[in-house]
Amino acid sequence: MNRDSVFHKTPTSLQWLHKQAQARRAVNTDAPEFGDLKEEEKNPEWLKEKGNKLFATENYLAAADAYSLAIRLSSRTPVLYLNRAACHLKLRNLHKAIEDSSTALALLTPPVADNADARMKAHLRRGAAFCQLELYVEGLQDYDAALRIDPANTAVQSDAEKIRNVIQGTELKSQ
């Protein structure tokens, strides 16, 4: 591995890494409501893994609860909002999926290569929620944003094209 590629970071990449380190240090376990939790249950990473396991078994409500507790402990960790947004999509809590995806995107700044995958997931989850609410124009905007991150992604290209067709069909019917 090239040593320079590992240690050479742009100012924008360093800003992103600094924000992530701050988020990890900002864990708040001193609140009274956390007093009766076991030590491991006060660990946002442990809660995230628990949520991931619950999600894998299709227990979306319990997974969302695990991510919610992790968010209360570490509110500046984008992956927690992304994962909870996935739960909300499965539970058809579409407005909450949009809210969590938007929060994740706000935390995923500045946009750098290190957070490109997470930003893409956030756009796709928010776009899917918009489309399920029949807000196709807004959904397409998120799919297009995802394509700007990964222009070669054929699945996203196909989905964006389907959304365009729905919009054009809707526009034709309304004329």
N, C-alpha and C. Protein backbone atom coordinates (compact mmCIF):
# COMPACT_ATOMS: atom_id res chain seq x y z
N MET A 1 0.86 -1.17 0.00
CA MET A 1 0.00 0.00 0.00
C MET A 1 0.90 1.23 0.00
N ASN A 2 0.56 2.20 -0.78
CA ASN A 2 1.32 3.43 -0.88
C ASN A 2 1.10 4.27 0.38
N ARG A 3 2.21 4.53 1.10
CA ARG A 3 2.12 5.27 2.37
C ARG A 3 1.51 6.65 2.15
N ASP A 4 1.86 7.31 1.04
CA ASP A 4 1.33 8.65 0.78
C ASP A 4 -0.18 8.65 0.60
N SER A 5 -0.73 7.60 -0.01
CA SER A 5 -2.18 7.57 -0.21
C SER A 5 -2.92 7.41 1.10
N VAL A 6 -2.28 6.78 2.09
CA VAL A 6 -2.91 6.59 3.38
C VAL A 6 -2.86 7.88 4.20
N PHE A 7 -1.74 8.57 4.15
CA PHE A 7 -1.54 9.70 5.04
C PHE A 7 -1.81 11.05 4.39
N HIS A 8 -1.94 11.11 3.09
CA HIS A 8 -2.22 12.38 2.43
C HIS A 8 -3.73 12.58 2.35
N LYS A 9 -4.21 13.55 3.07
CA LYS A 9 -5.64 13.86 3.08
C LYS A 9 -5.81 15.31 2.66
N THR A 10 -6.84 15.58 1.91
CA THR A 10 -7.15 16.95 1.54
C THR A 10 -7.74 17.66 2.75
N PRO A 11 -7.74 18.99 2.75
CA PRO A 11 -8.36 19.71 3.87
C PRO A 11 -9.83 19.31 4.07
N THR A 12 -10.54 19.04 2.98
CA THR A 12 -11.93 18.63 3.09
C THR A 12 -12.04 17.26 3.75
N SER A 13 -11.17 16.33 3.37
CA SER A 13 -11.17 15.00 3.99
C SER A 13 -10.82 15.10 5.46
N LEU A 14 -9.87 15.94 5.79
CA LEU A 14 -9.49 16.11 7.19
C LEU A 14 -10.64 16.71 7.99
N GLN A 15 -11.38 17.63 7.38
CA GLN A 15 -12.54 18.22 8.06
C GLN A 15 -13.57 17.13 8.36
N TRP A 16 -13.83 16.24 7.39
CA TRP A 16 -14.78 15.15 7.59
C TRP A 16 -14.31 14.22 8.71
N LEU A 17 -13.03 13.85 8.69
CA LEU A 17 -12.49 12.96 9.72
C LEU A 17 -12.57 13.61 11.11
N HIS A 18 -12.31 14.91 11.17
CA HIS A 18 -12.40 15.64 12.44
C HIS A 18 -13.84 15.61 12.97
N LYS A 19 -14.82 15.81 12.09
CA LYS A 19 -16.23 15.77 12.51
C LYS A 19 -16.60 14.39 13.04
N GLN A 20 -16.08 13.34 12.42
CA GLN A 20 -16.37 11.98 12.88
C GLN A 20 -15.76 11.72 14.26
N ALA A 21 -14.54 12.21 14.46
CA ALA A 21 -13.90 12.05 15.78
C ALA A 21 -14.68 12.81 16.85
N GLN A 22 -15.14 14.01 16.52
CA GLN A 22 -15.95 14.79 17.47
C GLN A 22 -17.23 14.04 17.82
N ALA A 23 -17.87 13.44 16.84
CA ALA A 23 -19.12 12.71 17.08
C ALA A 23 -18.88 11.54 18.04
N ARG A 24 -17.76 10.84 17.86
CA ARG A 24 -17.47 9.71 18.74
C ARG A 24 -17.20 10.17 20.18
N ARG A 25 -16.58 11.35 20.32
CA ARG A 25 -16.28 11.87 21.66
C ARG A 25 -17.51 12.47 22.33
N ALA A 26 -18.55 12.78 21.58
CA ALA A 26 -19.72 13.50 22.12
C ALA A 26 -20.76 12.57 22.73
N VAL A 27 -20.41 11.33 22.99
CA VAL A 27 -21.37 10.38 23.57
C VAL A 27 -21.79 10.87 24.95
N ASN A 28 -23.10 10.89 25.18
CA ASN A 28 -23.66 11.39 26.43
C ASN A 28 -24.36 10.26 27.17
N THR A 29 -23.66 9.66 28.13
CA THR A 29 -24.26 8.57 28.91
C THR A 29 -24.60 9.00 30.32
N ASP A 30 -24.43 10.28 30.63
CA ASP A 30 -24.67 10.77 31.99
C ASP A 30 -26.12 11.11 32.28
N ALA A 31 -26.96 11.16 31.26
CA ALA A 31 -28.36 11.53 31.47
C ALA A 31 -29.03 10.53 32.41
N PRO A 32 -29.93 11.00 33.28
CA PRO A 32 -30.57 10.12 34.27
C PRO A 32 -31.30 8.93 33.65
N GLU A 33 -31.90 9.11 32.46
CA GLU A 33 -32.66 8.01 31.86
C GLU A 33 -31.78 6.83 31.44
N PHE A 34 -30.46 7.03 31.42
CA PHE A 34 -29.56 5.94 31.05
C PHE A 34 -29.00 5.23 32.28
N GLY A 35 -29.39 5.65 33.47
CA GLY A 35 -28.83 5.12 34.71
C GLY A 35 -29.05 3.63 34.91
N ASP A 36 -30.20 3.10 34.47
CA ASP A 36 -30.48 1.68 34.72
C ASP A 36 -30.06 0.78 33.56
N LEU A 37 -29.34 1.32 32.59
CA LEU A 37 -28.86 0.51 31.47
C LEU A 37 -27.53 -0.15 31.84
N LYS A 38 -27.30 -1.34 31.29
CA LYS A 38 -26.00 -1.99 31.45
C LYS A 38 -24.97 -1.14 30.69
N GLU A 39 -23.71 -1.31 31.06
CA GLU A 39 -22.65 -0.52 30.44
C GLU A 39 -22.64 -0.71 28.92
N GLU A 40 -22.78 -1.94 28.45
CA GLU A 40 -22.77 -2.20 27.00
C GLU A 40 -23.95 -1.52 26.30
N GLU A 41 -25.06 -1.39 27.00
CA GLU A 41 -26.24 -0.76 26.41
C GLU A 41 -26.09 0.75 26.30
N LYS A 42 -25.04 1.30 26.90
CA LYS A 42 -24.76 2.73 26.79
C LYS A 42 -23.76 3.00 25.67
N ASN A 43 -23.40 1.98 24.93
CA ASN A 43 -22.41 2.09 23.87
C ASN A 43 -23.14 2.20 22.53
N PRO A 44 -23.05 3.37 21.85
CA PRO A 44 -23.77 3.53 20.58
C PRO A 44 -23.37 2.49 19.53
N GLU A 45 -22.11 2.09 19.53
CA GLU A 45 -21.66 1.09 18.55
C GLU A 45 -22.32 -0.26 18.84
N TRP A 46 -22.41 -0.63 20.11
CA TRP A 46 -23.07 -1.88 20.50
C TRP A 46 -24.55 -1.82 20.11
N LEU A 47 -25.19 -0.68 20.35
CA LEU A 47 -26.60 -0.52 19.99
C LEU A 47 -26.79 -0.58 18.48
N LYS A 48 -25.85 -0.01 17.73
CA LYS A 48 -25.93 -0.08 16.26
C LYS A 48 -25.86 -1.53 15.80
N GLU A 49 -24.92 -2.29 16.36
CA GLU A 49 -24.80 -3.70 15.99
C GLU A 49 -26.06 -4.48 16.38
N LYS A 50 -26.61 -4.17 17.54
CA LYS A 50 -27.86 -4.82 17.97
C LYS A 50 -28.97 -4.48 16.98
N GLY A 51 -29.07 -3.21 16.59
CA GLY A 51 -30.05 -2.79 15.59
C GLY A 51 -29.85 -3.51 14.27
N ASN A 52 -28.60 -3.66 13.85
CA ASN A 52 -28.30 -4.36 12.60
C ASN A 52 -28.79 -5.82 12.66
N LYS A 53 -28.56 -6.48 13.80
CA LYS A 53 -29.01 -7.87 13.95
C LYS A 53 -30.53 -7.96 13.94
N LEU A 54 -31.18 -7.03 14.62
CA LEU A 54 -32.65 -7.01 14.63
C LEU A 54 -33.19 -6.74 13.23
N PHE A 55 -32.56 -5.83 12.50
CA PHE A 55 -32.99 -5.52 11.14
C PHE A 55 -32.86 -6.77 10.27
N ALA A 56 -31.75 -7.49 10.42
CA ALA A 56 -31.51 -8.69 9.62
C ALA A 56 -32.57 -9.76 9.86
N THR A 57 -33.17 -9.76 11.05
CA THR A 57 -34.24 -10.73 11.35
C THR A 57 -35.62 -10.14 11.06
N GLU A 58 -35.64 -9.00 10.40
CA GLU A 58 -36.88 -8.30 10.00
C GLU A 58 -37.68 -7.78 11.18
N ASN A 59 -37.01 -7.57 12.31
CA ASN A 59 -37.66 -6.96 13.47
C ASN A 59 -37.36 -5.46 13.41
N TYR A 60 -38.04 -4.79 12.46
CA TYR A 60 -37.72 -3.41 12.13
C TYR A 60 -38.06 -2.44 13.25
N LEU A 61 -39.13 -2.69 13.97
CA LEU A 61 -39.51 -1.79 15.06
C LEU A 61 -38.48 -1.82 16.18
N ALA A 62 -38.05 -3.01 16.58
CA ALA A 62 -37.03 -3.12 17.63
C ALA A 62 -35.70 -2.56 17.15
N ALA A 63 -35.38 -2.77 15.87
CA ALA A 63 -34.14 -2.21 15.32
C ALA A 63 -34.19 -0.68 15.38
N ALA A 64 -35.33 -0.11 14.99
CA ALA A 64 -35.48 1.35 15.05
C ALA A 64 -35.32 1.85 16.48
N ASP A 65 -35.84 1.10 17.44
CA ASP A 65 -35.68 1.48 18.85
C ASP A 65 -34.21 1.47 19.27
N ALA A 66 -33.47 0.45 18.82
CA ALA A 66 -32.04 0.37 19.15
C ALA A 66 -31.29 1.56 18.55
N TYR A 67 -31.58 1.87 17.29
CA TYR A 67 -30.93 3.02 16.65
C TYR A 67 -31.34 4.32 17.33
N SER A 68 -32.59 4.42 17.76
CA SER A 68 -33.06 5.64 18.43
C SER A 68 -32.30 5.86 19.74
N LEU A 69 -32.09 4.80 20.50
CA LEU A 69 -31.34 4.94 21.74
C LEU A 69 -29.89 5.32 21.44
N ALA A 70 -29.32 4.71 20.42
CA ALA A 70 -27.95 5.06 20.03
C ALA A 70 -27.86 6.53 19.62
N ILE A 71 -28.88 7.02 18.93
CA ILE A 71 -28.91 8.43 18.52
C ILE A 71 -28.98 9.34 19.74
N ARG A 72 -29.76 8.94 20.74
CA ARG A 72 -29.83 9.76 21.96
C ARG A 72 -28.48 9.83 22.66
N LEU A 73 -27.68 8.80 22.50
CA LEU A 73 -26.34 8.77 23.09
C LEU A 73 -25.31 9.48 22.22
N SER A 74 -25.49 9.42 20.91
CA SER A 74 -24.50 9.95 19.97
C SER A 74 -25.24 10.54 18.77
N SER A 75 -25.72 11.76 18.94
CA SER A 75 -26.63 12.35 17.95
C SER A 75 -25.96 12.86 16.69
N ARG A 76 -24.64 12.80 16.62
CA ARG A 76 -23.96 13.31 15.43
C ARG A 76 -23.31 12.19 14.61
N THR A 77 -23.86 10.99 14.70
CA THR A 77 -23.33 9.85 13.97
C THR A 77 -24.28 9.51 12.82
N PRO A 78 -23.90 9.85 11.57
CA PRO A 78 -24.82 9.72 10.44
C PRO A 78 -25.35 8.32 10.19
N VAL A 79 -24.52 7.28 10.40
CA VAL A 79 -24.95 5.91 10.10
C VAL A 79 -26.15 5.50 10.94
N LEU A 80 -26.27 6.05 12.14
CA LEU A 80 -27.42 5.71 12.99
C LEU A 80 -28.71 6.21 12.37
N TYR A 81 -28.67 7.42 11.81
CA TYR A 81 -29.85 7.97 11.14
C TYR A 81 -30.15 7.20 9.85
N LEU A 82 -29.08 6.83 9.13
CA LEU A 82 -29.26 6.05 7.90
C LEU A 82 -29.93 4.71 8.19
N ASN A 83 -29.46 4.04 9.23
CA ASN A 83 -30.02 2.73 9.56
C ASN A 83 -31.46 2.86 10.05
N ARG A 84 -31.72 3.89 10.85
CA ARG A 84 -33.10 4.08 11.32
C ARG A 84 -34.01 4.44 10.14
N ALA A 85 -33.49 5.19 9.17
CA ALA A 85 -34.28 5.51 7.98
C ALA A 85 -34.66 4.24 7.23
N ALA A 86 -33.74 3.27 7.17
CA ALA A 86 -34.05 1.99 6.52
C ALA A 86 -35.19 1.28 7.25
N CYS A 87 -35.16 1.33 8.57
CA CYS A 87 -36.26 0.74 9.37
C CYS A 87 -37.57 1.44 9.05
N HIS A 88 -37.53 2.76 9.04
CA HIS A 88 -38.75 3.53 8.78
C HIS A 88 -39.32 3.21 7.39
N LEU A 89 -38.44 3.02 6.42
CA LEU A 89 -38.92 2.62 5.08
C LEU A 89 -39.65 1.29 5.15
N LYS A 90 -39.07 0.33 5.83
CA LYS A 90 -39.69 -1.00 5.95
C LYS A 90 -41.02 -0.92 6.69
N LEU A 91 -41.10 -0.02 7.68
CA LEU A 91 -42.32 0.13 8.48
C LEU A 91 -43.32 1.10 7.83
N ARG A 92 -42.94 1.66 6.71
CA ARG A 92 -43.74 2.65 5.96
C ARG A 92 -44.00 3.91 6.78
N ASN A 93 -43.06 4.25 7.65
CA ASN A 93 -43.06 5.55 8.32
C ASN A 93 -42.28 6.50 7.41
N LEU A 94 -42.90 6.85 6.30
CA LEU A 94 -42.17 7.50 5.21
C LEU A 94 -41.68 8.89 5.56
N HIS A 95 -42.46 9.66 6.28
CA HIS A 95 -42.02 11.00 6.66
C HIS A 95 -40.81 10.92 7.60
N LYS A 96 -40.81 9.93 8.48
CA LYS A 96 -39.67 9.75 9.38
C LYS A 96 -38.44 9.28 8.60
N ALA A 97 -38.64 8.46 7.57
CA ALA A 97 -37.52 8.03 6.74
C ALA A 97 -36.90 9.23 6.04
N ILE A 98 -37.74 10.14 5.55
CA ILE A 98 -37.25 11.35 4.91
C ILE A 98 -36.48 12.20 5.91
N GLU A 99 -37.04 12.36 7.10
CA GLU A 99 -36.40 13.17 8.14
C GLU A 99 -35.03 12.61 8.52
N ASP A 100 -34.96 11.30 8.76
CA ASP A 100 -33.68 10.70 9.14
C ASP A 100 -32.66 10.74 8.01
N SER A 101 -33.11 10.53 6.78
CA SER A 101 -32.19 10.61 5.64
C SER A 101 -31.66 12.03 5.49
N SER A 102 -32.52 13.00 5.68
CA SER A 102 -32.11 14.41 5.59
C SER A 102 -31.11 14.76 6.70
N THR A 103 -31.35 14.27 7.90
CA THR A 103 -30.42 14.51 9.00
C THR A 103 -29.07 13.88 8.70
N ALA A 104 -29.09 12.66 8.18
CA ALA A 104 -27.83 12.00 7.82
C ALA A 104 -27.07 12.82 6.79
N LEU A 105 -27.78 13.30 5.76
CA LEU A 105 -27.13 14.11 4.73
C LEU A 105 -26.53 15.39 5.33
N ALA A 106 -27.23 16.00 6.26
CA ALA A 106 -26.71 17.21 6.89
C ALA A 106 -25.43 16.91 7.68
N LEU A 107 -25.37 15.73 8.27
CA LEU A 107 -24.18 15.34 9.03
C LEU A 107 -23.04 14.87 8.13
N LEU A 108 -23.37 14.44 6.92
CA LEU A 108 -22.38 13.91 5.99
C LEU A 108 -21.75 15.04 5.18
N THR A 109 -21.30 16.05 5.87
CA THR A 109 -20.64 17.18 5.21
C THR A 109 -19.28 17.38 5.86
N PRO A 110 -18.31 17.82 5.09
CA PRO A 110 -18.38 18.09 3.66
C PRO A 110 -18.44 16.78 2.87
N PRO A 111 -18.97 16.85 1.65
CA PRO A 111 -19.01 15.64 0.82
C PRO A 111 -17.60 15.26 0.35
N VAL A 112 -17.14 14.11 0.78
CA VAL A 112 -15.81 13.61 0.41
C VAL A 112 -15.94 12.14 0.04
N ALA A 113 -14.88 11.60 -0.53
CA ALA A 113 -14.90 10.19 -0.95
C ALA A 113 -15.20 9.26 0.23
N ASP A 114 -14.71 9.60 1.42
CA ASP A 114 -14.92 8.75 2.60
C ASP A 114 -16.39 8.61 2.98
N ASN A 115 -17.23 9.58 2.62
CA ASN A 115 -18.65 9.47 2.99
C ASN A 115 -19.57 9.33 1.78
N ALA A 116 -19.00 9.05 0.61
CA ALA A 116 -19.80 8.95 -0.62
C ALA A 116 -20.84 7.84 -0.53
N ASP A 117 -20.45 6.67 -0.04
CA ASP A 117 -21.41 5.56 0.06
C ASP A 117 -22.58 5.90 0.97
N ALA A 118 -22.27 6.52 2.10
CA ALA A 118 -23.33 6.89 3.05
C ALA A 118 -24.24 7.96 2.44
N ARG A 119 -23.65 8.94 1.75
CA ARG A 119 -24.49 9.97 1.11
C ARG A 119 -25.39 9.35 0.05
N MET A 120 -24.85 8.39 -0.69
CA MET A 120 -25.66 7.73 -1.71
C MET A 120 -26.84 6.99 -1.07
N LYS A 121 -26.57 6.25 0.00
CA LYS A 121 -27.66 5.54 0.70
C LYS A 121 -28.71 6.52 1.19
N ALA A 122 -28.27 7.64 1.74
CA ALA A 122 -29.22 8.64 2.26
C ALA A 122 -30.10 9.18 1.14
N HIS A 123 -29.49 9.49 0.00
CA HIS A 123 -30.28 9.98 -1.13
C HIS A 123 -31.26 8.92 -1.63
N LEU A 124 -30.81 7.68 -1.71
CA LEU A 124 -31.69 6.62 -2.21
C LEU A 124 -32.83 6.32 -1.25
N ARG A 125 -32.55 6.33 0.04
CA ARG A 125 -33.62 6.08 1.01
C ARG A 125 -34.63 7.21 1.02
N ARG A 126 -34.12 8.44 0.97
CA ARG A 126 -35.05 9.57 0.95
C ARG A 126 -35.83 9.58 -0.36
N GLY A 127 -35.15 9.29 -1.46
CA GLY A 127 -35.82 9.23 -2.76
C GLY A 127 -36.90 8.16 -2.79
N ALA A 128 -36.62 7.00 -2.22
CA ALA A 128 -37.61 5.92 -2.17
C ALA A 128 -38.82 6.34 -1.34
N ALA A 129 -38.57 7.01 -0.22
CA ALA A 129 -39.68 7.46 0.63
C ALA A 129 -40.54 8.49 -0.12
N PHE A 130 -39.88 9.43 -0.79
CA PHE A 130 -40.64 10.41 -1.57
C PHE A 130 -41.50 9.72 -2.63
N CYS A 131 -40.93 8.75 -3.32
CA CYS A 131 -41.68 8.06 -4.37
C CYS A 131 -42.86 7.28 -3.79
N GLN A 132 -42.67 6.65 -2.63
CA GLN A 132 -43.78 5.93 -2.01
C GLN A 132 -44.89 6.88 -1.57
N LEU A 133 -44.52 8.14 -1.33
CA LEU A 133 -45.52 9.17 -1.02
C LEU A 133 -46.08 9.81 -2.30
N GLU A 134 -45.67 9.28 -3.45
CA GLU A 134 -46.05 9.78 -4.77
C GLU A 134 -45.56 11.20 -5.01
N LEU A 135 -44.46 11.56 -4.38
CA LEU A 135 -43.77 12.83 -4.62
C LEU A 135 -42.59 12.52 -5.53
N TYR A 136 -42.93 12.21 -6.79
CA TYR A 136 -41.95 11.67 -7.72
C TYR A 136 -40.87 12.67 -8.11
N VAL A 137 -41.21 13.93 -8.24
CA VAL A 137 -40.20 14.93 -8.62
C VAL A 137 -39.12 15.01 -7.53
N GLU A 138 -39.55 15.06 -6.28
CA GLU A 138 -38.60 15.10 -5.17
C GLU A 138 -37.78 13.81 -5.13
N GLY A 139 -38.44 12.68 -5.36
CA GLY A 139 -37.73 11.40 -5.38
C GLY A 139 -36.68 11.36 -6.47
N LEU A 140 -37.04 11.85 -7.64
CA LEU A 140 -36.09 11.86 -8.76
C LEU A 140 -34.89 12.74 -8.44
N GLN A 141 -35.11 13.85 -7.75
CA GLN A 141 -33.98 14.71 -7.38
C GLN A 141 -32.97 13.94 -6.54
N ASP A 142 -33.46 13.11 -5.62
CA ASP A 142 -32.54 12.32 -4.80
C ASP A 142 -31.87 11.22 -5.62
N TYR A 143 -32.60 10.58 -6.51
CA TYR A 143 -31.97 9.57 -7.36
C TYR A 143 -30.91 10.19 -8.26
N ASP A 144 -31.18 11.39 -8.78
CA ASP A 144 -30.18 12.09 -9.59
C ASP A 144 -28.96 12.46 -8.75
N ALA A 145 -29.18 12.86 -7.50
CA ALA A 145 -28.05 13.16 -6.61
C ALA A 145 -27.22 11.90 -6.37
N ALA A 146 -27.88 10.76 -6.22
CA ALA A 146 -27.16 9.49 -6.05
C ALA A 146 -26.35 9.16 -7.30
N LEU A 147 -26.92 9.45 -8.46
CA LEU A 147 -26.19 9.19 -9.72
C LEU A 147 -25.00 10.12 -9.88
N ARG A 148 -25.05 11.32 -9.33
CA ARG A 148 -23.87 12.19 -9.38
C ARG A 148 -22.74 11.61 -8.52
N ILE A 149 -23.10 10.85 -7.49
CA ILE A 149 -22.10 10.20 -6.65
C ILE A 149 -21.54 8.96 -7.35
N ASP A 150 -22.41 8.17 -7.97
CA ASP A 150 -22.01 6.93 -8.65
C ASP A 150 -22.71 6.84 -10.00
N PRO A 151 -22.17 7.56 -11.01
CA PRO A 151 -22.84 7.62 -12.31
C PRO A 151 -22.95 6.27 -13.03
N ALA A 152 -22.12 5.31 -12.67
CA ALA A 152 -22.11 4.02 -13.36
C ALA A 152 -23.06 3.00 -12.74
N ASN A 153 -23.79 3.37 -11.71
CA ASN A 153 -24.66 2.43 -11.01
C ASN A 153 -25.91 2.16 -11.86
N THR A 154 -25.95 0.99 -12.48
CA THR A 154 -27.03 0.69 -13.43
C THR A 154 -28.38 0.52 -12.73
N ALA A 155 -28.38 0.00 -11.51
CA ALA A 155 -29.66 -0.16 -10.79
C ALA A 155 -30.28 1.20 -10.51
N VAL A 156 -29.47 2.16 -10.08
CA VAL A 156 -29.99 3.50 -9.80
C VAL A 156 -30.40 4.18 -11.10
N GLN A 157 -29.63 3.97 -12.17
CA GLN A 157 -30.01 4.53 -13.48
C GLN A 157 -31.38 4.02 -13.89
N SER A 158 -31.59 2.72 -13.73
CA SER A 158 -32.87 2.11 -14.10
C SER A 158 -34.02 2.66 -13.27
N ASP A 159 -33.81 2.76 -11.96
CA ASP A 159 -34.86 3.29 -11.08
C ASP A 159 -35.17 4.75 -11.42
N ALA A 160 -34.13 5.53 -11.70
CA ALA A 160 -34.35 6.94 -12.05
C ALA A 160 -35.15 7.05 -13.35
N GLU A 161 -34.86 6.17 -14.28
CA GLU A 161 -35.60 6.18 -15.55
C GLU A 161 -37.07 5.82 -15.33
N LYS A 162 -37.33 4.84 -14.47
CA LYS A 162 -38.72 4.48 -14.14
C LYS A 162 -39.45 5.66 -13.51
N ILE A 163 -38.78 6.38 -12.63
CA ILE A 163 -39.40 7.54 -11.98
C ILE A 163 -39.69 8.62 -13.03
N ARG A 164 -38.74 8.84 -13.95
CA ARG A 164 -38.97 9.82 -15.03
C ARG A 164 -40.21 9.43 -15.85
N ASN A 165 -40.34 8.15 -16.14
CA ASN A 165 -41.50 7.68 -16.91
C ASN A 165 -42.80 7.92 -16.15
N VAL A 166 -42.80 7.71 -14.85
CA VAL A 166 -43.99 7.97 -14.04
C VAL A 166 -44.33 9.45 -14.09
N ILE A 167 -43.31 10.29 -13.94
CA ILE A 167 -43.54 11.75 -13.97
C ILE A 167 -44.10 12.16 -15.32
N GLN A 168 -43.52 11.66 -16.40
CA GLN A 168 -44.01 12.02 -17.73
C GLN A 168 -45.42 11.51 -17.95
N GLY A 169 -45.70 10.31 -17.47
CA GLY A 169 -47.06 9.77 -17.59
C GLY A 169 -48.05 10.57 -16.80
N THR A 170 -47.66 10.99 -15.61
CA THR A 170 -48.53 11.81 -14.76
C THR A 170 -48.76 13.16 -15.41
N GLU A 171 -47.69 13.73 -15.98
CA GLU A 171 -47.83 15.04 -16.61
C GLU A 171 -48.72 14.96 -17.84
N LEU A 172 -48.60 13.87 -18.59
CA LEU A 172 -49.44 13.72 -19.78
C LEU A 172 -50.91 13.59 -19.40
N LYS A 173 -51.19 12.84 -18.32
CA LYS A 173 -52.57 12.65 -17.89
C LYS A 173 -53.19 13.94 -17.37
N SER A 174 -52.37 14.82 -16.80
CA SER A 174 -52.91 16.04 -16.21
C SER A 174 -53.16 17.12 -17.25
N GLN A 175 -52.70 16.93 -18.49
CA GLN A 175 -52.90 17.96 -19.52
C GLN A 175 -54.22 17.81 -20.21
